[in-house]
Amino acid sequence: MTAARAGRVRVASGREGLTGLPDHGVAVPVPPVLPSCSLPAGAASSFSRAAVAVAVVGSWLVPPWVVLIAGLVAGLPHGAVDHLVPRWWLGARAPWMLLVVSVYAATAAASYLAFRTWPVAAVALFLAVSAWHFASGETGFADLRAGRALAGRRLRAVGHVVAVLALPVLLHPDGVLPLLRVVVDAPVELPPGSGTAVAVAAVVGLLVVAGVLATDLSRGRRAEAVDLGLLVLLAVLVHPLAAFGVYFGAWHSVRHLARTLVDDPGNARLLADGRLGAALRRFAVSAALPTLASLLLVGALVVAADGWRGFASEYLALLAGLTVPHLVTVAWADRRRAAASSAVTVQQPPVRAGVRVAARGPRPPW
């Protein structure tokens, strides 16, 4: 059977985006794969790198708690259109959309209650799934920016997690312990005599990151090496609370937004025409109501909280509650995206798994 008969990829216009038709004959709607995906990816790269550079130079001018809270609030909108993701990929309509929103809200509420009821176990589990989410998001963004099919790279993911989560804790444990005390509402201290073990772990973490950097450079992935190098500088030179605020609000959230803009089939024409501002306005309209609801919840916490510690504790629990269904939604979309990547690749159009795939265009320069 020839590749043309085994399967085909059809490019549609407007909201349909790309539809892959493998040889079992089932249509799979896929958000559009565009040469112009490099437009939001390039803008997100420039913004996030500039934000980290500013933080490295001037974060000492602002209290770390202020930077942390500001970053967490600034990052709220990046998951505000999660309820639209099933419609983009599956064409789901109401009442399916109502079901999606209901399950999303119920999962968020259950996660919040778990965080308040079993804080220690919830924090440990939350950190584990967040590490996976941050790593998969970063590797997915790198694939988008480079114009290649989605393929998570474990070594790159490990380097990202070490730079973002492990190094700040290992290099500045005294800066992280106050936050843990607030979250779990209990005394948290390093075990006596653990200083040497922490120092050794920090050195191991730096060696791991150095190995990933060397691998990226040897394979010509300069953009990814620059990103990882900036995150290491952020971890080494900036207070850990401020570092995470900058990472979450100006790095992870912004890069996730770039992926979201490309996934939305309604942005196909806008991005193809280079109208990034119009695509961002479209996102802002869709995200406005969920973001406003989240901000009203934050405002209620400010009014009801007993001081800044009480606010921080409740707000972090609320953020964790909102994050869990967001993680699930993004993971599901990534699986759909990876499946689409098996039918639509980037540089050449070879036959892969019985499907002749379409080229995306030249590789972006960054």
Foldseek 3Di string as FASTA:
>chain_A
DDLVQQWEKDADAFLQAIWTQGNVGDTWGAAHQALLLLLLLVVLLVQLLVLLVCCLVPVVVDDLVVLLVLLLLLLVLLLLLLLCLCCSGPVDDPPVSVVSVVVLVVQLVVLLVCCVPVVVVSVVVLLVLVLVLLLLLVQQSLCSNQQWARDRDVLLSLLVSLLQPVLLCLQCVVLCQVLSCLQRVHHDDDPPPCNVVSVVVNVVSVVSNVVSLVVCVVVPVVSSSSVSVSSNSLSNRHNSSSSNSSCSNSRSSSSSNSVVLSSRNNCRVCSVVVNVVVSVVVSCVSSVVSSVVLVVVLVVLVVPADPPSRSSNSNVSSSSSSVVSSSVSVVVVSVSSNVVCQQATEDDQDQGPSHGYDHRDDTDPD
